[in-house]
Protein backbone atom coordinates (compact mmCIF):
# COMPACT_ATOMS: atom_id res chain seq x y z
CA LYS A 1 96.03 98.24 117.71
CA ASP A 2 93.52 96.95 120.27
CA LEU A 3 92.63 99.43 123.02
CA THR A 4 89.78 99.55 125.52
CA ILE A 5 89.09 102.71 127.54
CA SER A 6 86.70 102.61 130.50
CA LEU A 7 85.76 105.89 132.21
CA LYS A 8 83.35 106.36 135.08
CA ASN A 9 83.02 108.12 138.41
CA ILE A 10 80.98 107.55 141.52
CA PHE A 11 78.12 109.57 140.07
CA GLY A 12 77.92 107.30 137.01
CA SER A 13 78.65 109.98 134.41
CA PHE A 14 81.68 111.52 132.74
CA ALA A 15 82.64 114.11 130.14
CA PHE A 16 85.77 115.06 128.19
CA ASP A 17 86.68 116.94 125.05
CA ASN A 18 89.57 117.32 122.60
CA PHE A 19 90.41 113.62 122.83
CA LYS A 20 92.59 112.15 120.06
CA LEU A 21 94.14 108.72 119.70
CA TYR A 22 97.09 108.16 117.38
CA TYR A 23 98.59 104.85 116.34
CA CYS A 24 101.94 104.52 118.14
CA GLY A 25 103.78 101.79 116.34
CA ASN A 26 106.35 103.56 114.14
CA TYR A 27 108.56 106.64 114.21
CA GLN A 28 107.07 108.55 117.14
CA GLY A 29 103.63 107.14 116.31
CA LEU A 30 103.30 109.23 113.17
CA TYR A 31 102.55 106.59 110.55
CA GLU A 32 101.14 103.09 110.18
CA LEU A 33 102.05 100.32 107.76
CA SER A 34 99.07 98.22 106.63
CA ASP A 35 98.98 94.55 107.57
CA ASP A 36 99.75 93.52 103.98
CA SER A 37 102.64 96.03 103.78
CA LYS A 38 101.10 97.79 100.76
CA ILE A 39 100.00 101.15 102.24
CA ILE A 40 101.50 103.73 104.59
CA THR A 41 99.05 106.05 106.35
CA LEU A 42 100.42 109.24 107.93
CA TYR A 43 99.07 110.23 111.35
CA GLY A 44 99.47 112.99 113.91
CA ASN A 45 101.35 116.26 113.59
CA TRP A 46 104.29 116.28 111.21
CA ASP A 47 105.95 119.45 112.50
CA ASP A 48 109.40 118.33 111.38
CA MET A 49 108.84 118.04 107.63
CA GLU A 50 112.54 117.53 106.93
CA ASN A 51 112.39 114.05 108.47
CA LEU A 52 109.19 112.99 106.69
CA PRO A 53 110.66 111.93 103.30
CA GLY A 54 113.49 109.99 104.91
CA GLU A 55 111.25 108.14 107.33
CA VAL A 56 108.69 107.20 104.68
CA LYS A 57 111.38 106.24 102.17
CA THR A 58 112.92 103.86 104.71
CA VAL A 59 109.61 102.06 105.11
CA ILE A 60 109.10 101.90 101.34
CA ASP A 61 112.59 100.54 100.74
CA ASP A 62 112.10 97.92 103.47
CA ASN A 63 108.88 96.79 101.75
CA SER A 64 109.87 97.34 98.12
CA SER A 65 108.29 94.06 96.98
CA THR A 66 104.78 95.11 98.01
CA LEU A 67 104.35 98.77 99.01
CA GLY A 68 102.64 101.09 96.53
CA ALA A 69 100.64 103.87 98.22
CA VAL A 70 100.95 106.59 100.87
CA TYR A 71 97.79 108.08 102.40
CA VAL A 72 98.06 111.76 103.37
CA TYR A 73 94.57 112.78 104.52
CA LYS A 74 93.56 115.79 106.61
CA ASP A 75 91.52 113.70 109.04
CA ASN A 76 94.64 111.73 109.97
CA VAL A 77 97.64 114.02 109.67
CA THR A 78 98.52 117.69 110.05
CA LEU A 79 101.46 118.74 107.89
CA GLY A 80 103.84 121.36 109.20
CA GLY A 81 104.81 122.50 105.71
CA GLU A 82 104.82 121.65 102.02
CA LEU A 83 105.19 118.00 100.96
CA ASN A 84 106.80 117.86 97.51
CA THR A 85 107.20 114.36 96.14
CA SER A 86 109.66 115.57 93.50
CA ASP A 87 112.27 116.03 96.24
CA GLU A 88 115.13 113.57 96.16
CA GLY A 89 114.07 112.00 99.45
CA TRP A 90 110.90 110.64 97.86
CA GLN A 91 112.64 108.84 94.99
CA THR A 92 112.23 105.10 95.63
CA ASP A 93 112.36 101.78 93.82
CA ASN A 94 108.54 101.63 93.68
CA ASN A 95 105.82 103.36 91.66
CA ILE A 96 104.48 105.14 94.75
CA LEU A 97 101.04 106.78 94.57
CA ILE A 98 100.28 109.60 97.02
CA TYR A 99 96.55 109.69 97.88
CA THR A 100 95.61 113.01 99.46
CA ASP A 101 92.83 115.54 100.03
CA TYR A 102 95.30 118.38 100.71
CA GLU A 103 95.42 121.27 98.26
CA SER A 104 98.28 121.45 95.75
CA ASP A 105 100.09 124.17 97.73
CA MET A 106 100.60 121.61 100.54
CA VAL A 107 101.01 118.28 98.70
CA ASN A 108 102.44 118.43 95.19
CA GLY A 109 104.84 116.85 92.73
CA THR A 110 105.36 116.32 89.02
CA SER A 111 103.51 112.98 88.94
CA ASN A 112 101.60 110.24 90.77
CA ILE A 113 99.59 112.49 93.11
CA VAL A 114 96.02 111.17 93.42
CA ASN A 115 93.73 113.94 94.66
CA LYS A 116 90.55 113.07 96.52
CA THR A 117 87.58 115.43 96.35
CA VAL A 118 84.17 115.01 97.97
CA GLU A 119 80.98 116.44 96.49
CA THR A 120 77.67 116.70 98.32
CA VAL A 121 74.64 115.66 96.27
CA ILE A 122 70.95 115.58 97.19
CA ASN A 123 69.02 112.41 96.40
CA ASP A 124 65.34 112.29 97.39
CA GLY A 125 65.95 114.99 99.97
CA ASN A 126 68.91 113.15 101.53
CA GLU A 127 72.53 114.22 101.42
CA ASP A 128 74.97 111.82 99.81
CA TYR A 129 78.69 112.21 99.40
CA VAL A 130 80.45 111.32 96.15
CA GLU A 131 84.20 110.77 96.30
CA THR A 132 86.29 111.40 93.19
CA TYR A 133 89.95 110.45 92.74
CA THR A 134 92.00 112.16 90.02
CA CYS A 135 95.67 112.14 89.02
CA THR A 136 96.95 114.87 86.70
CA ASN A 137 100.00 112.91 85.53
CA LEU A 138 100.62 109.20 86.10
CA VAL A 139 104.12 108.04 85.21
CA ILE A 140 104.77 104.31 85.56
CA THR A 141 108.39 103.18 85.70
CA ASP A 142 109.10 99.74 84.26
CA LYS A 143 110.17 96.88 86.59
CA LYS A 144 109.11 98.78 89.74
CA THR A 145 106.39 97.54 92.09
CA MET A 146 102.95 99.13 91.66
CA TYR A 147 99.88 98.86 93.87
CA VAL A 148 96.59 100.69 93.22
CA PRO A 149 94.28 100.41 96.26
CA GLN A 150 91.64 102.83 94.98
CA GLU A 151 90.49 103.36 91.38
CA PHE A 152 91.18 106.81 89.92
CA THR A 153 91.21 108.74 86.66
CA ALA A 154 94.58 109.76 85.21
CA ASN A 155 94.41 112.79 82.94
CA LYS A 156 97.67 111.53 81.42
CA ALA A 157 99.18 108.07 81.87
CA SER A 158 102.52 106.94 80.46
CA TYR A 159 104.78 103.89 80.51
CA THR A 160 107.94 102.97 78.60
CA ARG A 161 109.96 99.79 78.21
CA THR A 162 113.32 99.10 76.61
CA SER A 163 113.29 96.21 74.12
CA SER A 164 116.18 93.84 73.43
CA LEU A 165 115.88 93.08 69.73
CA ILE A 166 116.96 89.82 68.15
CA ASP A 167 117.02 89.98 64.36
CA GLY A 168 114.97 93.17 64.61
CA VAL A 169 112.19 91.61 66.74
CA ALA A 170 111.37 91.51 70.44
CA TRP A 171 108.68 89.21 71.85
CA GLY A 172 107.36 90.14 75.26
CA THR A 173 104.49 90.03 77.73
CA LEU A 174 102.55 92.97 79.13
CA VAL A 175 99.85 93.86 81.64
CA MET A 176 98.63 97.38 82.51
CA PRO A 177 96.18 98.65 85.19
CA PHE A 178 94.33 100.81 82.64
CA ASP A 179 92.78 100.23 79.21
CA LEU A 180 94.98 100.73 76.16
CA THR A 181 93.07 102.36 73.30
CA ALA A 182 95.87 101.80 70.78
CA LEU A 183 98.89 99.56 70.30
CA PRO A 184 102.03 100.72 72.12
CA THR A 185 104.69 102.36 69.98
CA ASN A 186 106.61 99.77 67.91
CA VAL A 187 104.16 96.95 68.72
CA THR A 188 102.68 95.28 65.65
CA SER A 189 100.08 92.97 67.24
CA TYR A 190 98.91 91.32 70.44
CA TYR A 191 98.97 87.53 70.78
CA SER A 192 97.65 84.84 73.13
CA PRO A 193 98.89 81.26 73.65
CA THR A 194 96.54 78.66 72.17
CA LYS A 195 98.47 75.38 72.11
CA ILE A 196 101.80 73.76 73.00
CA ASP A 197 103.33 71.13 70.70
CA ASP A 198 105.88 69.18 72.74
CA SER A 199 108.95 67.69 71.16
CA TYR A 200 111.21 66.83 74.08
CA THR A 201 113.78 69.62 74.47
CA TYR A 202 112.47 72.03 71.83
CA GLY A 203 108.75 72.43 71.32
CA LYS A 204 106.40 75.00 69.82
CA LEU A 205 104.15 77.56 71.45
CA ILE A 206 101.31 78.22 69.02
CA VAL A 207 99.95 81.74 69.48
CA GLY A 208 96.89 83.37 67.95
CA THR A 209 96.77 86.98 66.82
CA ASN A 210 94.43 89.23 68.74
CA ASP A 211 92.52 91.10 66.04
CA SER A 212 91.78 93.98 68.43
CA LYS A 213 94.28 96.83 68.72
CA THR A 214 93.00 97.67 72.20
CA LEU A 215 93.70 95.99 75.53
CA SER A 216 91.56 95.88 78.67
CA ALA A 217 92.99 96.78 82.06
CA ASN A 218 94.52 93.95 84.10
CA THR A 219 94.59 91.64 81.06
CA PRO A 220 97.97 89.92 80.42
CA ILE A 221 98.92 89.63 76.76
CA MET A 222 101.83 88.75 74.48
CA TYR A 223 103.19 91.17 71.91
CA LYS A 224 105.77 91.41 69.13
CA ALA A 225 107.71 94.68 68.85
CA SER A 226 110.27 96.24 66.54
CA GLY A 227 111.68 98.68 69.13
CA ASP A 228 111.15 100.21 72.56
CA LEU A 229 107.60 100.34 73.91
CA ALA A 230 105.86 103.62 74.68
CA ILE A 231 102.33 103.89 76.08
CA ASN A 232 100.55 107.24 76.37
CA GLU A 233 96.88 107.42 77.33
CA THR A 234 94.58 110.29 78.30
CA ASN A 235 91.66 110.22 80.72
CA ALA A 236 92.55 106.66 81.67
CA ILE A 237 90.60 104.83 84.40
CA VAL A 238 93.30 103.22 86.54
CA HIS A 239 91.85 100.08 88.09
CA LYS A 240 92.72 98.41 91.38
CA THR A 241 95.66 96.10 90.86
CA ASP A 242 93.99 93.50 93.12
CA GLU A 243 91.52 92.98 90.27
CA LEU A 244 94.27 91.31 88.23
CA LYS A 245 93.44 87.66 87.60
CA THR A 246 95.43 85.36 89.86
CA PRO A 247 96.65 81.90 88.87
CA ASP A 248 93.97 79.20 88.99
CA PRO A 249 95.88 75.95 88.31
CA GLU A 250 92.87 73.63 88.37
CA ASN A 251 90.52 75.56 86.08
CA ASP A 252 92.76 77.50 83.66
CA PRO A 253 95.17 75.08 81.95
CA LEU A 254 96.98 77.34 79.42
CA SER A 255 96.94 80.98 80.35
CA LEU A 256 99.03 84.08 80.82
CA TYR A 257 99.35 85.25 84.41
CA GLY A 258 100.52 88.81 85.00
CA SER A 259 101.93 90.67 87.99
CA TYR A 260 102.59 94.23 89.21
CA VAL A 261 105.27 93.03 91.63
CA LYS A 262 108.30 90.81 91.20
CA TYR A 263 106.60 87.43 91.19
CA TYR A 264 108.28 84.12 92.04
CA VAL A 265 107.16 80.71 90.82
CA GLY A 266 108.48 77.88 92.96
CA GLN A 267 110.56 78.66 96.04
CA ILE A 268 113.81 80.62 96.12
CA GLY A 269 116.78 78.44 97.03
CA CYS A 270 114.83 75.21 96.62
CA GLU A 271 116.51 72.47 94.58
CA SER A 272 113.25 70.75 93.62
CA SER A 273 111.18 71.76 90.61
CA VAL A 274 107.92 70.47 92.15
CA VAL A 275 107.77 72.79 95.15
CA THR A 276 104.86 75.24 94.79
CA ASN A 277 104.50 78.91 95.68
CA ASP A 278 101.56 80.45 97.58
CA ASP A 279 99.38 80.23 94.45
CA GLY A 280 99.99 76.51 94.06
CA LEU A 281 102.35 76.82 91.09
CA CYS A 282 105.59 74.94 90.65
CA ALA A 283 108.28 75.97 88.20
CA GLN A 284 108.15 72.89 85.98
CA ASP A 285 104.54 73.65 85.02
CA CYS A 286 105.30 77.21 83.88
CA TYR A 287 107.20 79.05 81.16
CA TYR A 288 108.76 82.52 81.13
CA ILE A 289 109.90 84.49 78.10
CA LYS A 290 113.58 85.18 77.44
CA GLN A 291 115.35 86.07 74.19
CA ASN A 292 112.21 85.57 72.07
CA LYS A 293 111.39 82.10 73.38
CA PHE A 294 109.71 80.61 76.41
CA LEU A 295 111.83 78.66 78.87
CA ARG A 296 110.45 76.07 81.24
CA GLY A 297 111.01 76.77 84.92
CA ASN A 298 113.51 74.67 86.82
CA CYS A 299 113.58 75.06 90.60
CA TYR A 300 112.20 78.60 90.54
CA PHE A 301 112.06 81.71 88.39
CA SER A 302 110.71 85.24 88.65
CA ILE A 303 109.09 87.81 86.40
CA ALA A 304 109.43 91.57 86.72
CA PRO A 305 106.41 93.88 87.25
CA PHE A 306 104.08 94.48 84.24
CA ARG A 307 104.92 91.11 82.74
CA ALA A 308 103.38 87.65 82.57
CA PHE A 309 104.27 83.97 82.41
CA ILE A 310 102.51 80.91 80.98
CA TYR A 311 100.96 78.22 83.13
CA ARG A 312 100.20 75.09 81.12
CA GLY A 313 98.47 72.86 83.66
CA THR A 314 99.81 70.52 86.31
CA SER A 315 101.94 67.57 85.33
CA ASN A 316 102.48 64.60 87.60
CA ASN A 317 104.37 66.13 90.53
CA ASP A 318 107.10 63.56 90.23
CA GLU A 319 110.32 64.88 88.73
CA GLU A 320 111.00 61.50 87.12
CA SER A 321 107.48 61.01 85.76
CA THR A 322 106.94 60.42 82.04
CA ASP A 323 104.51 63.35 81.92
CA ALA A 324 107.08 65.76 83.31
CA LYS A 325 109.90 64.50 81.08
CA LEU A 326 107.86 64.86 77.88
CA ARG A 327 107.29 68.56 78.41
CA SER A 328 109.60 70.72 76.33
CA SER A 329 112.31 72.72 78.04
CA VAL A 330 112.18 75.44 75.39
CA LEU A 331 109.20 76.66 73.39
CA MET A 332 109.77 78.44 70.11
CA ILE A 333 106.98 80.88 69.22
CA GLU A 334 104.92 80.13 66.11
CA ILE A 335 102.03 82.31 64.94
CA SER A 336 98.88 80.38 64.06
CA ASP A 337 96.82 81.12 60.98
CA ILE A 338 93.58 80.93 62.98
CA PRO A 339 92.88 84.70 62.70
CA ASN A 340 92.53 84.32 58.93
CA VAL A 341 89.01 82.95 59.44
CA ILE A 342 87.88 86.22 61.01
CA GLU A 343 87.10 87.77 57.62
CA SER A 344 84.52 85.05 56.96
CA LEU A 345 82.91 85.76 60.33
CA SER A 346 82.27 89.45 59.68
CA LYS A 347 78.75 90.88 59.40
CA GLU A 348 77.60 93.94 57.50
CA ASP A 349 75.51 95.35 60.33
CA ALA A 350 77.61 94.34 63.34
CA THR A 351 81.23 94.01 64.46
CA ILE A 352 82.98 91.34 66.51
CA ILE A 353 83.37 92.54 70.10
CA GLY A 354 84.69 89.40 71.75
CA TYR A 355 85.07 85.64 72.00
CA SER A 356 84.37 82.97 74.58
CA ASP A 357 84.86 79.23 74.86
CA ALA A 358 82.05 76.70 75.04
CA THR A 359 81.65 77.26 78.80
CA GLY A 360 81.27 81.04 78.47
CA VAL A 361 84.78 82.02 79.61
CA ARG A 362 85.88 85.12 77.69
CA ARG A 363 88.96 84.76 75.47
CA PRO A 364 91.06 87.49 73.78
CA ASN A 365 90.98 85.72 70.41
CA LEU A 366 89.88 82.53 68.69
CA GLN A 367 91.15 79.29 70.24
CA ARG A 368 91.44 75.81 68.79
CA GLY A 369 88.25 73.89 69.48
CA PHE A 370 84.76 75.31 70.07
CA ASN A 371 84.39 79.12 70.10
CA VAL A 372 81.53 81.54 70.55
CA VAL A 373 81.85 84.74 68.49
CA ILE A 374 80.10 87.72 70.13
CA TYR A 375 78.77 90.56 67.95
CA SER A 376 77.94 94.19 68.76
CA ASP A 377 74.24 93.64 67.97
CA GLY A 378 73.94 91.07 70.78
CA THR A 379 73.99 87.99 68.54
CA THR A 380 76.48 85.14 68.79
CA ARG A 381 77.83 82.46 66.48
CA LYS A 382 79.35 79.10 67.39
CA ILE A 383 82.29 77.81 65.35
CA PHE A 384 84.87 75.04 65.61
CA VAL A 385 88.53 75.73 64.82
CA LYS A 386 90.76 72.74 64.09
């Protein structure tokens, strides 16, 4: 990756033309894997198009836990023929996005092609270039890694999830990289954790109902469903997945943390429940949902992409400590009646557009304790919920 070229002659000058430098680290120097293993960039002349899908698929499969995008740009690569991502060779275990500025007769597929266009605009007599990224049809497959390095607009965006019903109900967690303007099919309401009542083995997770039927991008949430989920949005702004809030153990003591990859809490193969992952989380401080209840982590656990887990704050990192022992192993979900006070907070000339705590941190719904209600006319109201 580091190369220095020095050229000179006895006369102190030199000249050359038609000089190109290609990265030569993978398959005949024709592609590069980013340092974080999330992006493949194609380079050089791909004369043998038959080998392209197989070579790229091998890299994707080898990095299935992280890789999410392939860059196919004219400045970097010359294609020797049509690249059709609907071909069998491109089918992988990831939600791969193809970013390209090639025309559709060269790079095409039924979904997940992000087209880059550049428009020249004149501002105060100077030329500026405006880049636009658009995807005709975004199809997100559940439980498969997704990475969005560059924001784009999806004319159509869809996602489905199979629900396992227990007594006709399925509780779950969800996070999406674009705004949801309506509840998913078969979802009755969104919920957020507000309090945990410990009672040794079996405790209660008190959740508050989110009065909004919409959901912001990269915002983890709980839901209750009566069947399989289906999300269909139009003209959706798909945000960078790096903008998803990451765990902050010291400052966020009871929150949902989402992921677009398979995320591990604790360390795989470790027999201790106090070993932390790269985000400083150990399994005994977290809960994951299974069969309509939240289970406390033991040595480690994982969540699938587009899901979330609960972090409840750090206990004494001693497996035999009183603090650790008092925390419930299982949390049964109980819906709080806090949202019932919302009717008394309504105003004739304004609507509620959000909530925050006493420190100004935005919250999806009312929490126990001090709350700030934010109205559409710019006014606020402070209330205390017992």
